[in-house]
Amino acid sequence: MAGLLGWLDPNVGQYVLGKAGEEKRLEVRKHWIVRVFPVIRLILAVVIFTIGIGLGEIGVYFFSLIALAIAAQASWRLIDEYRDRFVITTQRVFRVHGILNTQRASVPLSRILDITVKKPLTGHWFGYGHFVFESAAQVQGLNEIRFVGDIDHVEDVLRITMAGDVQQVLVVDEDDGT
């Protein structure tokens, strides 16, 4: 990806440990529903700016500042949601997010004890849900993943990947050479 969208892309492939045999199974972006309110605010900013143009010189400055503040906040939110990625690999799950400071959190598949899927009423209507991961450790950086689109498919991929990981561990344990 080139240009501005290339700069905005978090490039999660660089965090996949190919030398350790890790492969990316699925990269998940946030559901489109998280962009609805920021887009509404952008439209509101355009309307406010347009109203300000009709009010003369002082109105243009005042309404332009308000419109600029609303548009800046909405744009920041859109970029933040675009850069938030959840990735399932053959060995772990991780999340990359942040605009100026990139934050990463990961959990090995073998440490995930329980996966809870929460689908609110609007999630049933629009096709999204939230993951809650429980591991043997305390609550860590990768505890809850919100607004996952097509969460049933993502859960299937995650569970299949986890089952494949368990089978690999069992095969290694069975063939220990003794």
Protein backbone atom coordinates (compact mmCIF):
# COMPACT_ATOMS: atom_id res chain seq x y z
CA MET A 1 0.00 0.00 0.00
CA ALA A 2 1.44 3.34 -0.98
CA GLY A 3 0.84 6.88 0.14
CA LEU A 4 -1.10 7.91 3.19
CA LEU A 5 -2.87 4.57 3.67
CA GLY A 6 0.52 2.84 3.51
CA TRP A 7 1.72 4.99 6.39
CA LEU A 8 -1.46 4.32 8.33
CA ASP A 9 -1.30 0.54 7.88
CA PRO A 10 0.11 -1.08 11.05
CA ASN A 11 1.95 -3.74 8.96
CA VAL A 12 1.26 -6.61 11.33
CA GLY A 13 3.27 -8.99 9.15
CA GLN A 14 6.47 -7.63 10.67
CA TYR A 15 5.42 -9.00 14.07
CA VAL A 16 4.83 -12.56 12.85
CA LEU A 17 7.81 -14.71 13.86
CA GLY A 18 8.46 -16.45 10.54
CA LYS A 19 11.87 -17.73 11.67
CA ALA A 20 10.15 -19.58 14.53
CA GLY A 21 7.69 -21.22 12.14
CA GLU A 22 4.80 -18.92 12.97
CA GLU A 23 2.27 -18.22 10.23
CA LYS A 24 -0.52 -15.66 10.13
CA ARG A 25 -3.96 -17.31 9.98
CA LEU A 26 -6.22 -14.28 10.15
CA GLU A 27 -5.92 -10.50 10.48
CA VAL A 28 -9.07 -8.86 11.80
CA ARG A 29 -9.98 -5.18 11.54
CA LYS A 30 -12.65 -3.56 13.64
CA HIS A 31 -16.22 -3.82 12.37
CA TRP A 32 -17.51 -0.92 10.24
CA ILE A 33 -19.95 0.07 12.98
CA VAL A 34 -17.12 1.77 14.93
CA ARG A 35 -16.73 4.27 12.07
CA VAL A 36 -20.37 5.40 12.02
CA PHE A 37 -20.23 8.05 14.76
CA PRO A 38 -16.89 9.54 13.61
CA VAL A 39 -18.28 9.86 10.07
CA ILE A 40 -21.42 11.52 11.46
CA ARG A 41 -19.17 13.98 13.31
CA LEU A 42 -17.26 14.70 10.09
CA ILE A 43 -20.53 15.44 8.30
CA LEU A 44 -21.56 17.65 11.24
CA ALA A 45 -18.26 19.54 10.91
CA VAL A 46 -18.97 20.23 7.23
CA VAL A 47 -22.49 21.46 8.09
CA ILE A 48 -21.15 23.76 10.83
CA PHE A 49 -18.51 25.13 8.49
CA THR A 50 -21.14 25.75 5.80
CA ILE A 51 -23.39 27.57 8.28
CA GLY A 52 -20.42 29.71 9.32
CA ILE A 53 -19.78 30.82 5.74
CA GLY A 54 -23.23 32.40 5.60
CA LEU A 55 -22.75 34.38 8.83
CA GLY A 56 -20.09 36.80 7.72
CA GLU A 57 -16.46 37.26 8.72
CA ILE A 58 -16.72 36.63 12.47
CA GLY A 59 -19.06 33.67 11.95
CA VAL A 60 -16.63 32.08 9.49
CA TYR A 61 -13.76 32.17 11.98
CA PHE A 62 -15.79 31.02 14.97
CA PHE A 63 -17.64 28.23 13.15
CA SER A 64 -14.50 27.21 11.27
CA LEU A 65 -12.67 26.65 14.56
CA ILE A 66 -15.54 24.58 15.92
CA ALA A 67 -15.77 22.58 12.68
CA LEU A 68 -12.00 22.05 12.63
CA ALA A 69 -12.00 20.76 16.23
CA ILE A 70 -14.86 18.34 15.53
CA ALA A 71 -13.27 17.16 12.27
CA ALA A 72 -9.86 16.67 13.90
CA GLN A 73 -11.31 14.59 16.73
CA ALA A 74 -13.40 12.50 14.34
CA SER A 75 -10.44 11.95 12.00
CA TRP A 76 -8.25 10.90 14.93
CA ARG A 77 -10.89 8.37 15.97
CA LEU A 78 -11.17 6.99 12.42
CA ILE A 79 -7.41 6.56 12.16
CA ASP A 80 -7.28 4.93 15.59
CA GLU A 81 -9.94 2.40 14.61
CA TYR A 82 -8.24 1.73 11.25
CA ARG A 83 -4.90 0.94 12.90
CA ASP A 84 -6.38 -1.41 15.51
CA ARG A 85 -5.76 -5.00 14.36
CA PHE A 86 -6.28 -8.38 15.97
CA VAL A 87 -4.16 -11.21 14.52
CA ILE A 88 -4.42 -14.98 14.91
CA THR A 89 -1.26 -16.93 14.11
CA THR A 90 -0.36 -20.59 14.41
CA GLN A 91 1.31 -19.95 17.79
CA ARG A 92 -0.38 -16.94 19.41
CA VAL A 93 -2.93 -14.18 19.16
CA PHE A 94 -1.88 -10.56 19.27
CA ARG A 95 -3.27 -7.06 18.94
CA VAL A 96 -1.55 -4.03 17.44
CA HIS A 97 -3.03 -0.58 17.96
CA GLY A 98 -2.15 3.06 18.42
CA ILE A 99 -1.46 6.02 16.17
CA LEU A 100 1.68 7.79 17.33
CA ASN A 101 2.75 5.11 19.81
CA THR A 102 2.19 1.57 18.62
CA GLN A 103 1.16 -0.85 21.35
CA ARG A 104 1.27 -4.63 21.06
CA ALA A 105 -0.02 -7.37 23.31
CA SER A 106 0.13 -11.10 22.67
CA VAL A 107 -0.89 -14.36 24.30
CA PRO A 108 0.36 -17.79 23.23
CA LEU A 109 -2.46 -20.08 22.14
CA SER A 110 -1.44 -22.62 24.76
CA ARG A 111 -2.08 -20.05 27.53
CA ILE A 112 -5.66 -19.28 26.50
CA LEU A 113 -7.93 -21.27 28.79
CA ASP A 114 -11.32 -19.84 27.92
CA ILE A 115 -12.82 -17.70 25.18
CA THR A 116 -16.04 -15.83 25.85
CA VAL A 117 -17.96 -14.31 22.95
CA LYS A 118 -20.29 -11.44 23.77
CA LYS A 119 -22.82 -10.40 21.12
CA PRO A 120 -25.02 -7.47 22.10
CA LEU A 121 -28.37 -7.01 20.40
CA THR A 122 -26.88 -4.59 17.88
CA GLY A 123 -24.09 -7.12 17.33
CA HIS A 124 -26.68 -9.68 16.25
CA TRP A 125 -28.23 -7.14 13.88
CA PHE A 126 -24.99 -5.88 12.32
CA GLY A 127 -22.76 -8.95 12.66
CA TYR A 128 -20.16 -8.13 15.30
CA GLY A 129 -19.22 -9.16 18.81
CA HIS A 130 -16.54 -8.97 21.49
CA PHE A 131 -13.98 -11.54 22.65
CA VAL A 132 -12.93 -11.95 26.27
CA PHE A 133 -9.85 -14.14 26.76
CA GLU A 134 -9.04 -15.81 30.04
CA SER A 135 -5.62 -17.24 30.74
CA ALA A 136 -3.84 -18.69 33.74
CA ALA A 137 -2.19 -15.33 34.38
CA GLN A 138 -3.81 -12.18 35.69
CA VAL A 139 -5.62 -9.76 33.37
CA GLN A 140 -3.05 -8.67 30.83
CA GLY A 141 -2.83 -6.47 27.74
CA LEU A 142 -4.85 -8.86 25.60
CA ASN A 143 -7.95 -9.39 27.68
CA GLU A 144 -10.83 -8.05 25.61
CA ILE A 145 -11.09 -7.48 21.85
CA ARG A 146 -14.11 -5.34 20.99
CA PHE A 147 -16.11 -4.93 17.77
CA VAL A 148 -14.88 -8.01 15.93
CA GLY A 149 -16.72 -8.35 12.63
CA ASP A 150 -18.11 -11.78 11.70
CA ILE A 151 -17.15 -12.97 15.16
CA ASP A 152 -18.50 -16.49 14.61
CA HIS A 153 -16.10 -17.08 11.71
CA VAL A 154 -13.19 -15.55 13.64
CA GLU A 155 -14.00 -17.76 16.63
CA ASP A 156 -14.05 -20.83 14.38
CA VAL A 157 -10.63 -19.95 12.93
CA LEU A 158 -9.28 -19.35 16.43
CA ARG A 159 -10.62 -22.62 17.83
CA ILE A 160 -9.41 -24.62 14.81
CA THR A 161 -5.98 -23.02 15.13
CA MET A 162 -5.93 -23.77 18.87
CA ALA A 163 -6.94 -27.40 18.22
CA GLY A 164 -4.19 -27.71 15.62
CA ASP A 165 -1.71 -26.29 18.12
CA VAL A 166 -2.80 -28.81 20.76
CA GLN A 167 -2.44 -31.66 18.25
CA GLN A 168 1.10 -30.50 17.41
CA VAL A 169 2.00 -30.40 21.10
CA LEU A 170 0.54 -33.88 21.64
CA VAL A 171 2.46 -35.30 18.69
CA VAL A 172 5.70 -33.82 20.01
CA ASP A 173 4.96 -35.15 23.51
CA GLU A 174 4.18 -38.65 22.22
CA ASP A 175 7.38 -38.87 20.15
CA ASP A 176 9.93 -37.98 22.80
CA GLY A 177 12.40 -40.69 21.77
CA THR A 178 12.29 -42.74 24.96
